[in-house]
PDB file of N, CA and C in Angstrom:
ATOM      1  N   MET A   1      -2.570 -13.744   0.495  1.00  0.00           N
ATOM      2  CA  MET A   1      -1.745 -14.143   1.346  1.00  0.00           C
ATOM      3  C   MET A   1       0.047 -14.126   1.294  1.00  0.00           C
ATOM      4  N   GLU A   2       0.484 -12.961   2.092  1.00  0.00           N
ATOM      5  CA  GLU A   2       2.134 -12.740   2.122  1.00  0.00           C
ATOM      6  C   GLU A   2       2.840 -13.903   2.552  1.00  0.00           C
ATOM      7  N   ASN A   3       2.560 -14.525   3.573  1.00  0.00           N
ATOM      8  CA  ASN A   3       3.407 -14.927   4.315  1.00  0.00           C
ATOM      9  C   ASN A   3       3.213 -16.564   3.884  1.00  0.00           C
ATOM     10  N   VAL A   4       4.385 -16.948   3.942  1.00  0.00           N
ATOM     11  CA  VAL A   4       4.945 -17.934   2.697  1.00  0.00           C
ATOM     12  C   VAL A   4       6.499 -18.848   3.426  1.00  0.00           C
ATOM     13  N   LEU A   5       6.009 -19.948   4.067  1.00  0.00           N
ATOM     14  CA  LEU A   5       7.317 -20.575   4.436  1.00  0.00           C
ATOM     15  C   LEU A   5       7.316 -22.095   3.711  1.00  0.00           C
ATOM     16  N   VAL A   6       8.579 -22.230   3.652  1.00  0.00           N
ATOM     17  CA  VAL A   6       8.358 -23.833   3.434  1.00  0.00           C
ATOM     18  C   VAL A   6       9.361 -24.761   3.759  1.00  0.00           C
ATOM     19  N   VAL A   7       9.044 -25.631   4.017  1.00  0.00           N
ATOM     20  CA  VAL A   7       9.590 -27.137   4.294  1.00  0.00           C
ATOM     21  C   VAL A   7       9.617 -27.812   3.001  1.00  0.00           C
ATOM     22  N   TRP A   8      10.740 -28.799   2.670  1.00  0.00           N
ATOM     23  CA  TRP A   8      11.369 -29.917   2.003  1.00  0.00           C
ATOM     24  C   TRP A   8      11.393 -30.900   2.878  1.00  0.00           C
ATOM     25  N   THR A   9      10.893 -32.210   2.506  1.00  0.00           N
ATOM     26  CA  THR A   9      11.170 -33.713   2.701  1.00  0.00           C
ATOM     27  C   THR A   9      11.934 -33.995   2.006  1.00  0.00           C
ATOM     28  N   LYS A  10      12.857 -35.283   1.914  1.00  0.00           N
ATOM     29  CA  LYS A  10      14.015 -35.692   0.978  1.00  0.00           C
ATOM     30  C   LYS A  10      13.128 -37.179   0.459  1.00  0.00           C
ATOM     31  N   ARG A  11      11.394 -37.466   0.516  1.00  0.00           N
ATOM     32  CA  ARG A  11      11.307 -38.200  -0.167  1.00  0.00           C
ATOM     33  C   ARG A  11       9.296 -37.844   0.090  1.00  0.00           C
ATOM     34  N   GLY A  12       8.385 -38.252  -0.478  1.00  0.00           N
ATOM     35  CA  GLY A  12       7.388 -38.211  -0.028  1.00  0.00           C
ATOM     36  C   GLY A  12       6.594 -38.025  -1.166  1.00  0.00           C
ATOM     37  N   SER A  13       4.994 -38.742  -1.470  1.00  0.00           N
ATOM     38  CA  SER A  13       3.831 -38.226  -2.258  1.00  0.00           C
ATOM     39  C   SER A  13       3.194 -37.291  -2.134  1.00  0.00           C
ATOM     40  N   VAL A  14       3.068 -36.676  -3.208  1.00  0.00           N
ATOM     41  CA  VAL A  14       1.694 -35.274  -2.825  1.00  0.00           C
ATOM     42  C   VAL A  14       0.577 -35.768  -1.730  1.00  0.00           C
ATOM     43  N   GLU A  15       0.360 -37.342  -2.475  1.00  0.00           N
ATOM     44  CA  GLU A  15      -0.907 -37.650  -1.776  1.00  0.00           C
ATOM     45  C   GLU A  15      -0.843 -37.949  -0.319  1.00  0.00           C
ATOM     46  N   GLU A  16       0.005 -38.447   0.053  1.00  0.00           N
ATOM     47  CA  GLU A  16       0.286 -38.845   1.121  1.00  0.00           C
ATOM     48  C   GLU A  16       0.451 -38.106   2.044  1.00  0.00           C
ATOM     49  N   ALA A  17       1.358 -37.006   1.921  1.00  0.00           N
ATOM     50  CA  ALA A  17       1.610 -35.690   2.714  1.00  0.00           C
ATOM     51  C   ALA A  17       0.478 -34.713   2.867  1.00  0.00           C
ATOM     52  N   GLU A  18      -0.523 -34.940   2.283  1.00  0.00           N
ATOM     53  CA  GLU A  18      -1.285 -34.018   2.334  1.00  0.00           C
ATOM     54  C   GLU A  18      -2.706 -34.475   2.946  1.00  0.00           C
ATOM     55  N   LYS A  19      -2.688 -36.002   2.740  1.00  0.00           N
ATOM     56  CA  LYS A  19      -3.631 -36.795   4.290  1.00  0.00           C
ATOM     57  C   LYS A  19      -2.723 -36.354   5.189  1.00  0.00           C
ATOM     58  N   ILE A  20      -1.443 -36.796   5.624  1.00  0.00           N
ATOM     59  CA  ILE A  20      -0.973 -36.591   7.283  1.00  0.00           C
ATOM     60  C   ILE A  20      -1.192 -35.380   7.341  1.00  0.00           C
ATOM     61  N   ILE A  21      -0.973 -34.114   6.583  1.00  0.00           N
ATOM     62  CA  ILE A  21      -0.926 -32.829   7.056  1.00  0.00           C
ATOM     63  C   ILE A  21      -2.706 -32.169   7.134  1.00  0.00           C
ATOM     64  N   LYS A  22      -3.047 -32.911   6.620  1.00  0.00           N
ATOM     65  CA  LYS A  22      -4.516 -32.558   6.943  1.00  0.00           C
ATOM     66  C   LYS A  22      -5.135 -33.315   8.145  1.00  0.00           C
ATOM     67  N   LEU A  23      -4.464 -34.776   8.437  1.00  0.00           N
ATOM     68  CA  LEU A  23      -5.110 -35.694   9.598  1.00  0.00           C
ATOM     69  C   LEU A  23      -4.208 -34.746  11.125  1.00  0.00           C
ATOM     70  N   GLU A  24      -3.615 -34.476  10.486  1.00  0.00           N
ATOM     71  CA  GLU A  24      -2.636 -33.266  12.221  1.00  0.00           C
ATOM     72  C   GLU A  24      -3.160 -32.420  12.021  1.00  0.00           C
ATOM     73  N   ILE A  25      -3.635 -31.623  11.126  1.00  0.00           N
ATOM     74  CA  ILE A  25      -4.931 -30.039  11.903  1.00  0.00           C
ATOM     75  C   ILE A  25      -5.771 -30.757  11.991  1.00  0.00           C
ATOM     76  N   GLY A  26      -6.575 -31.451  11.616  1.00  0.00           N
ATOM     77  CA  GLY A  26      -7.443 -31.737  12.595  1.00  0.00           C
ATOM     78  C   GLY A  26      -7.662 -32.484  13.241  1.00  0.00           C
ATOM     79  N   ARG A  27      -6.556 -33.339  14.242  1.00  0.00           N
ATOM     80  CA  ARG A  27      -6.387 -33.809  15.665  1.00  0.00           C
ATOM     81  C   ARG A  27      -6.014 -32.189  16.339  1.00  0.00           C
ATOM     82  N   GLN A  28      -4.552 -31.062  16.071  1.00  0.00           N
ATOM     83  CA  GLN A  28      -4.229 -30.546  16.797  1.00  0.00           C
ATOM     84  C   GLN A  28      -5.591 -29.145  16.728  1.00  0.00           C
ATOM     85  N   TYR A  29      -6.473 -28.770  15.914  1.00  0.00           N
ATOM     86  CA  TYR A  29      -7.637 -27.393  15.799  1.00  0.00           C
ATOM     87  C   TYR A  29      -8.503 -28.228  15.484  1.00  0.00           C
ATOM     88  N   GLY A  30      -9.190 -29.218  15.358  1.00  0.00           N
ATOM     89  CA  GLY A  30     -10.717 -29.971  14.702  1.00  0.00           C
ATOM     90  C   GLY A  30     -11.244 -29.976  13.867  1.00  0.00           C
ATOM     91  N   PHE A  31     -10.181 -29.301  12.957  1.00  0.00           N
ATOM     92  CA  PHE A  31     -11.286 -29.215  11.591  1.00  0.00           C
ATOM     93  C   PHE A  31     -11.751 -30.831  11.026  1.00  0.00           C
ATOM     94  N   SER A  32     -12.435 -30.637  10.128  1.00  0.00           N
ATOM     95  CA  SER A  32     -12.788 -31.905   9.360  1.00  0.00           C
ATOM     96  C   SER A  32     -12.456 -31.686   7.805  1.00  0.00           C
ATOM     97  N   GLU A  33     -12.580 -32.776   7.185  1.00  0.00           N
ATOM     98  CA  GLU A  33     -12.369 -33.259   5.607  1.00  0.00           C
ATOM     99  C   GLU A  33     -13.422 -31.637   5.288  1.00  0.00           C
ATOM    100  N   SER A  34     -14.398 -31.450   5.082  1.00  0.00           N
ATOM    101  CA  SER A  34     -15.196 -31.041   4.882  1.00  0.00           C
ATOM    102  C   SER A  34     -15.075 -29.336   5.006  1.00  0.00           C
ATOM    103  N   GLU A  35     -14.302 -29.016   5.360  1.00  0.00           N
ATOM    104  CA  GLU A  35     -13.308 -27.392   5.832  1.00  0.00           C
ATOM    105  C   GLU A  35     -12.819 -27.412   4.850  1.00  0.00           C
ATOM    106  N   PHE A  36     -11.923 -28.259   4.358  1.00  0.00           N
ATOM    107  CA  PHE A  36     -10.910 -28.233   3.388  1.00  0.00           C
ATOM    108  C   PHE A  36     -11.238 -27.952   2.178  1.00  0.00           C
ATOM    109  N   ASP A  37     -10.148 -26.419   1.486  1.00  0.00           N
ATOM    110  CA  ASP A  37     -11.247 -26.546  -0.722  1.00  0.00           C
ATOM    111  C   ASP A  37      -9.844 -27.155  -1.017  1.00  0.00           C
ATOM    112  N   LYS A  38     -10.056 -28.057  -2.008  1.00  0.00           N
ATOM    113  CA  LYS A  38      -9.001 -28.742  -2.881  1.00  0.00           C
ATOM    114  C   LYS A  38      -9.063 -27.125  -3.661  1.00  0.00           C
ATOM    115  N   THR A  39      -7.588 -26.942  -3.807  1.00  0.00           N
ATOM    116  CA  THR A  39      -7.055 -26.440  -5.041  1.00  0.00           C
ATOM    117  C   THR A  39      -5.561 -26.782  -6.216  1.00  0.00           C
ATOM    118  N   ASP A  40      -5.493 -26.221  -6.606  1.00  0.00           N
ATOM    119  CA  ASP A  40      -4.516 -26.746  -7.895  1.00  0.00           C
ATOM    120  C   ASP A  40      -3.647 -28.352  -7.471  1.00  0.00           C
ATOM    121  N   ASN A  41      -2.557 -27.492  -6.426  1.00  0.00           N
ATOM    122  CA  ASN A  41      -2.032 -28.013  -6.250  1.00  0.00           C
ATOM    123  C   ASN A  41      -1.427 -28.824  -4.876  1.00  0.00           C
ATOM    124  N   GLY A  42      -2.526 -28.683  -4.279  1.00  0.00           N
ATOM    125  CA  GLY A  42      -3.075 -28.524  -2.302  1.00  0.00           C
ATOM    126  C   GLY A  42      -4.248 -28.312  -1.904  1.00  0.00           C
ATOM    127  N   PHE A  43      -4.553 -27.682  -0.717  1.00  0.00           N
ATOM    128  CA  PHE A  43      -5.897 -27.173  -0.140  1.00  0.00           C
ATOM    129  C   PHE A  43      -5.954 -25.658   0.449  1.00  0.00           C
ATOM    130  N   SER A  44      -6.827 -25.450   0.552  1.00  0.00           N
ATOM    131  CA  SER A  44      -7.048 -24.434   1.433  1.00  0.00           C
ATOM    132  C   SER A  44      -7.919 -23.376   2.778  1.00  0.00           C
ATOM    133  N   PHE A  45      -8.381 -23.206   3.297  1.00  0.00           N
ATOM    134  CA  PHE A  45      -9.381 -23.617   4.328  1.00  0.00           C
ATOM    135  C   PHE A  45      -9.179 -21.941   4.828  1.00  0.00           C
ATOM    136  N   LEU A  46     -10.194 -22.200   5.695  1.00  0.00           N
ATOM    137  CA  LEU A  46     -10.333 -20.725   6.822  1.00  0.00           C
ATOM    138  C   LEU A  46      -9.808 -21.126   7.889  1.00  0.00           C
ATOM    139  N   PHE A  47      -8.606 -20.618   8.680  1.00  0.00           N
ATOM    140  CA  PHE A  47      -7.753 -21.035   9.469  1.00  0.00           C
ATOM    141  C   PHE A  47      -8.510 -20.649  11.090  1.00  0.00           C
ATOM    142  N   ASP A  48      -8.458 -19.164  10.926  1.00  0.00           N
ATOM    143  CA  ASP A  48      -9.089 -18.608  12.120  1.00  0.00           C
ATOM    144  C   ASP A  48     -10.536 -17.408  11.751  1.00  0.00           C
ATOM    145  N   ASP A  49     -11.581 -17.723  12.436  1.00  0.00           N
ATOM    146  CA  ASP A  49     -12.522 -17.227  11.974  1.00  0.00           C
ATOM    147  C   ASP A  49     -12.700 -15.752  12.403  1.00  0.00           C
ATOM    148  N   GLU A  50     -11.929 -15.763  13.347  1.00  0.00           N
ATOM    149  CA  GLU A  50     -12.501 -14.657  14.482  1.00  0.00           C
ATOM    150  C   GLU A  50     -10.817 -13.524  13.582  1.00  0.00           C
ATOM    151  N   THR A  51     -10.116 -13.711  13.076  1.00  0.00           N
ATOM    152  CA  THR A  51      -8.747 -12.600  12.493  1.00  0.00           C
ATOM    153  C   THR A  51      -9.499 -12.669  11.008  1.00  0.00           C
ATOM    154  N   ASN A  52      -9.849 -13.466  10.427  1.00  0.00           N
ATOM    155  CA  ASN A  52     -10.254 -13.882   9.227  1.00  0.00           C
ATOM    156  C   ASN A  52      -8.827 -14.167   8.365  1.00  0.00           C
ATOM    157  N   CYS A  53      -8.800 -15.277   9.248  1.00  0.00           N
ATOM    158  CA  CYS A  53      -6.798 -15.806   8.787  1.00  0.00           C
ATOM    159  C   CYS A  53      -7.149 -17.259   7.564  1.00  0.00           C
ATOM    160  N   GLU A  54      -6.748 -17.325   6.473  1.00  0.00           N
ATOM    161  CA  GLU A  54      -6.980 -17.801   5.080  1.00  0.00           C
ATOM    162  C   GLU A  54      -5.673 -19.019   5.010  1.00  0.00           C
ATOM    163  N   ALA A  55      -5.806 -19.695   5.378  1.00  0.00           N
ATOM    164  CA  ALA A  55      -4.240 -20.570   5.353  1.00  0.00           C
ATOM    165  C   ALA A  55      -4.374 -20.985   4.178  1.00  0.00           C
ATOM    166  N   SER A  56      -3.167 -22.052   3.466  1.00  0.00           N
ATOM    167  CA  SER A  56      -3.181 -22.817   2.247  1.00  0.00           C
ATOM    168  C   SER A  56      -1.919 -23.032   2.120  1.00  0.00           C
ATOM    169  N   PHE A  57      -1.839 -24.797   1.787  1.00  0.00           N
ATOM    170  CA  PHE A  57      -0.549 -26.176   1.219  1.00  0.00           C
ATOM    171  C   PHE A  57      -0.721 -25.684   0.178  1.00  0.00           C
ATOM    172  N   SER A  58       0.474 -26.048  -0.423  1.00  0.00           N
ATOM    173  CA  SER A  58       0.516 -26.362  -2.057  1.00  0.00           C
ATOM    174  C   SER A  58       2.071 -27.662  -2.091  1.00  0.00           C
ATOM    175  N   PHE A  59       1.938 -28.107  -2.790  1.00  0.00           N
ATOM    176  CA  PHE A  59       2.407 -29.596  -2.690  1.00  0.00           C
ATOM    177  C   PHE A  59       3.515 -29.199  -4.385  1.00  0.00           C
ATOM    178  N   THR A  60       4.596 -29.662  -4.297  1.00  0.00           N
ATOM    179  CA  THR A  60       5.745 -29.653  -5.388  1.00  0.00           C
ATOM    180  C   THR A  60       6.634 -30.480  -5.172  1.00  0.00           C
ATOM    181  N   PRO A  61       6.481 -32.006  -6.351  1.00  0.00           N
ATOM    182  CA  PRO A  61       7.262 -32.746  -6.205  1.00  0.00           C
ATOM    183  C   PRO A  61       8.000 -32.138  -7.163  1.00  0.00           C
ATOM    184  N   CYS A  62       9.639 -32.976  -6.989  1.00  0.00           N
ATOM    185  CA  CYS A  62      10.191 -32.762  -7.177  1.00  0.00           C
ATOM    186  C   CYS A  62      11.792 -33.945  -7.872  1.00  0.00           C
ATOM    187  N   ILE A  63      12.167 -33.483  -9.062  1.00  0.00           N
ATOM    188  CA  ILE A  63      12.660 -34.688  -9.778  1.00  0.00           C
ATOM    189  C   ILE A  63      13.316 -35.792  -8.794  1.00  0.00           C
ATOM    190  N   ASP A  64      14.396 -35.600  -8.157  1.00  0.00           N
ATOM    191  CA  ASP A  64      15.139 -36.283  -6.720  1.00  0.00           C
ATOM    192  C   ASP A  64      13.917 -36.939  -5.846  1.00  0.00           C
ATOM    193  N   ARG A  65      12.397 -36.721  -5.662  1.00  0.00           N
ATOM    194  CA  ARG A  65      12.015 -37.699  -5.317  1.00  0.00           C
ATOM    195  C   ARG A  65      11.473 -36.926  -4.085  1.00  0.00           C
ATOM    196  N   SER A  66      12.309 -35.682  -3.748  1.00  0.00           N
ATOM    197  CA  SER A  66      12.198 -34.708  -2.515  1.00  0.00           C
ATOM    198  C   SER A  66      10.490 -33.900  -2.729  1.00  0.00           C
ATOM    199  N   LEU A  67      10.072 -33.346  -1.979  1.00  0.00           N
ATOM    200  CA  LEU A  67       9.106 -32.766  -2.137  1.00  0.00           C
ATOM    201  C   LEU A  67       8.826 -31.580  -1.544  1.00  0.00           C
ATOM    202  N   LYS A  68       8.538 -30.298  -2.236  1.00  0.00           N
ATOM    203  CA  LYS A  68       8.430 -28.873  -1.528  1.00  0.00           C
ATOM    204  C   LYS A  68       6.953 -28.498  -1.512  1.00  0.00           C
ATOM    205  N   ILE A  69       7.081 -28.166   0.267  1.00  0.00           N
ATOM    206  CA  ILE A  69       5.935 -28.012   1.062  1.00  0.00           C
ATOM    207  C   ILE A  69       5.458 -26.886   1.326  1.00  0.00           C
ATOM    208  N   SER A  70       4.984 -25.685   0.768  1.00  0.00           N
ATOM    209  CA  SER A  70       4.804 -24.128   0.934  1.00  0.00           C
ATOM    210  C   SER A  70       3.572 -24.242   2.240  1.00  0.00           C
ATOM    211  N   VAL A  71       4.032 -23.421   3.229  1.00  0.00           N
ATOM    212  CA  VAL A  71       2.793 -23.007   3.967  1.00  0.00           C
ATOM    213  C   VAL A  71       2.261 -21.476   3.981  1.00  0.00           C
ATOM    214  N   CYS A  72       1.084 -21.224   3.212  1.00  0.00           N
ATOM    215  CA  CYS A  72       1.189 -19.460   3.494  1.00  0.00           C
ATOM    216  C   CYS A  72      -0.279 -19.080   4.250  1.00  0.00           C
ATOM    217  N   ALA A  73      -0.248 -18.950   5.032  1.00  0.00           N
ATOM    218  CA  ALA A  73      -1.197 -17.639   5.866  1.00  0.00           C
ATOM    219  C   ALA A  73      -0.774 -15.940   5.838  1.00  0.00           C
ATOM    220  N   THR A  74      -2.141 -15.855   6.358  1.00  0.00           N
ATOM    221  CA  THR A  74      -2.577 -14.332   5.983  1.00  0.00           C
ATOM    222  C   THR A  74      -2.366 -13.533   6.956  1.00  0.00           C
ATOM    223  N   TRP A  75      -1.683 -14.277   8.016  1.00  0.00           N
ATOM    224  CA  TRP A  75      -0.639 -14.029   9.706  1.00  0.00           C
ATOM    225  C   TRP A  75       0.395 -14.625   9.466  1.00  0.00           C
ATOM    226  N   ALA A  76       1.416 -13.897  10.021  1.00  0.00           N
ATOM    227  CA  ALA A  76       2.922 -14.378   9.750  1.00  0.00           C
ATOM    228  C   ALA A  76       2.662 -15.443  11.080  1.00  0.00           C
ATOM    229  N   TRP A  77       1.821 -15.093  12.297  1.00  0.00           N
ATOM    230  CA  TRP A  77       1.772 -16.188  13.281  1.00  0.00           C
ATOM    231  C   TRP A  77       1.045 -17.167  13.433  1.00  0.00           C
ATOM    232  N   ASP A  78       0.663 -17.218  12.102  1.00  0.00           N
ATOM    233  CA  ASP A  78      -0.603 -18.680  11.829  1.00  0.00           C
ATOM    234  C   ASP A  78       0.944 -19.208  10.636  1.00  0.00           C
ATOM    235  N   ALA A  79       0.925 -18.638   9.597  1.00  0.00           N
ATOM    236  CA  ALA A  79       2.237 -19.444   8.801  1.00  0.00           C
ATOM    237  C   ALA A  79       3.150 -19.693   9.719  1.00  0.00           C
ATOM    238  N   ILE A  80       4.023 -19.157  11.043  1.00  0.00           N
ATOM    239  CA  ILE A  80       4.862 -19.668  11.680  1.00  0.00           C
ATOM    240  C   ILE A  80       3.629 -20.916  12.364  1.00  0.00           C
ATOM    241  N   ASP A  81       2.798 -21.541  13.142  1.00  0.00           N
ATOM    242  CA  ASP A  81       2.340 -22.507  13.545  1.00  0.00           C
ATOM    243  C   ASP A  81       2.572 -23.120  12.920  1.00  0.00           C
ATOM    244  N   LEU A  82       1.438 -23.457  11.808  1.00  0.00           N
ATOM    245  CA  LEU A  82       1.112 -24.310  10.990  1.00  0.00           C
ATOM    246  C   LEU A  82       2.656 -24.944  10.345  1.00  0.00           C
ATOM    247  N   TYR A  83       3.402 -23.871   9.975  1.00  0.00           N
ATOM    248  CA  TYR A  83       4.932 -24.234   9.437  1.00  0.00           C
ATOM    249  C   TYR A  83       5.749 -25.684  10.372  1.00  0.00           C
ATOM    250  N   HIS A  84       5.446 -25.149  11.585  1.00  0.00           N
ATOM    251  CA  HIS A  84       5.892 -25.861  12.677  1.00  0.00           C
ATOM    252  C   HIS A  84       4.892 -27.136  12.881  1.00  0.00           C
ATOM    253  N   LEU A  85       4.227 -27.383  12.103  1.00  0.00           N
ATOM    254  CA  LEU A  85       3.087 -28.538  12.557  1.00  0.00           C
ATOM    255  C   LEU A  85       3.484 -29.366  10.636  1.00  0.00           C
ATOM    256  N   THR A  86       3.245 -28.943   9.827  1.00  0.00           N
ATOM    257  CA  THR A  86       3.982 -29.327   9.251  1.00  0.00           C
ATOM    258  C   THR A  86       5.553 -30.024   9.256  1.00  0.00           C
ATOM    259  N   GLN A  87       6.113 -29.605   9.781  1.00  0.00           N
ATOM    260  CA  GLN A  87       7.751 -29.648  10.161  1.00  0.00           C
ATOM    261  C   GLN A  87       7.738 -31.305  10.862  1.00  0.00           C
ATOM    262  N   ARG A  88       6.762 -31.265  11.652  1.00  0.00           N
ATOM    263  CA  ARG A  88       6.886 -32.299  13.027  1.00  0.00           C
ATOM    264  C   ARG A  88       6.264 -33.661  11.704  1.00  0.00           C
ATOM    265  N   CYS A  89       5.085 -33.377  10.828  1.00  0.00           N
ATOM    266  CA  CYS A  89       4.894 -34.377   9.960  1.00  0.00           C
ATOM    267  C   CYS A  89       5.424 -35.058   9.400  1.00  0.00           C
ATOM    268  N   SER A  90       6.971 -33.868   9.005  1.00  0.00           N
ATOM    269  CA  SER A  90       7.667 -34.257   7.757  1.00  0.00           C
ATOM    270  C   SER A  90       8.505 -35.685   7.737  1.00  0.00           C
ATOM    271  N   ASP A  91       8.698 -35.924   9.108  1.00  0.00           N
ATOM    272  CA  ASP A  91       9.527 -37.612   9.341  1.00  0.00           C
ATOM    273  C   ASP A  91       8.238 -38.493   9.053  1.00  0.00           C
ATOM    274  N   LYS A  92       6.994 -38.063   8.999  1.00  0.00           N
ATOM    275  CA  LYS A  92       5.348 -38.897   8.964  1.00  0.00           C
ATOM    276  C   LYS A  92       5.780 -39.582   7.455  1.00  0.00           C
ATOM    277  N   ILE A  93       5.993 -38.474   6.448  1.00  0.00           N
ATOM    278  CA  ILE A  93       5.733 -38.100   5.528  1.00  0.00           C
ATOM    279  C   ILE A  93       7.232 -38.939   4.095  1.00  0.00           C
ATOM    280  N   GLU A  94       8.367 -38.750   4.803  1.00  0.00           N
ATOM    281  CA  GLU A  94       9.288 -39.375   4.710  1.00  0.00           C
ATOM    282  C   GLU A  94       9.396 -41.066   4.152  1.00  0.00           C
ATOM    283  N   GLY A  95       8.680 -41.282   5.524  1.00  0.00           N
ATOM    284  CA  GLY A  95       8.193 -42.159   6.181  1.00  0.00           C
ATOM    285  C   GLY A  95       7.787 -43.692   5.396  1.00  0.00           C
ATOM    286  N   ILE A  96       7.112 -42.780   4.393  1.00  0.00           N
ATOM    287  CA  ILE A  96       6.389 -43.667   2.924  1.00  0.00           C
ATOM    288  C   ILE A  96       6.739 -44.243   2.368  1.00  0.00           C
ATOM    289  N   ILE A  97       7.047 -44.950   2.183  1.00  0.00           N
ATOM    290  CA  ILE A  97       8.005 -45.340   0.823  1.00  0.00           C
ATOM    291  C   ILE A  97       6.801 -44.941  -0.223  1.00  0.00           C
ATOM    292  N   SER A  98       7.343 -44.087  -1.199  1.00  0.00           N
ATOM    293  CA  SER A  98       6.555 -43.761  -2.580  1.00  0.00           C
ATOM    294  C   SER A  98       6.554 -44.317  -3.701  1.00  0.00           C
TER     295      SER A  98
END
């Protein structure tokens, strides 16, 4: 997967960010928790079985309590869709006191 986009939040915990993003992916695209595979620093899943697009999210907490969220997908257009979804989630993530 070569298509990586990054969303930065001013603050947020990895656990809450992952939870919020998974809920939004489920709401928008119909995925359930069982379709996400845990990775070392996030999760991955088969985003589109017709195009065989795999997607992953990785979360990197920073010293200043900000959070780097990397969105990666096989195809650029899918990475862009998931990036925009993550941007919409960033206010919810920042609103949680960690």
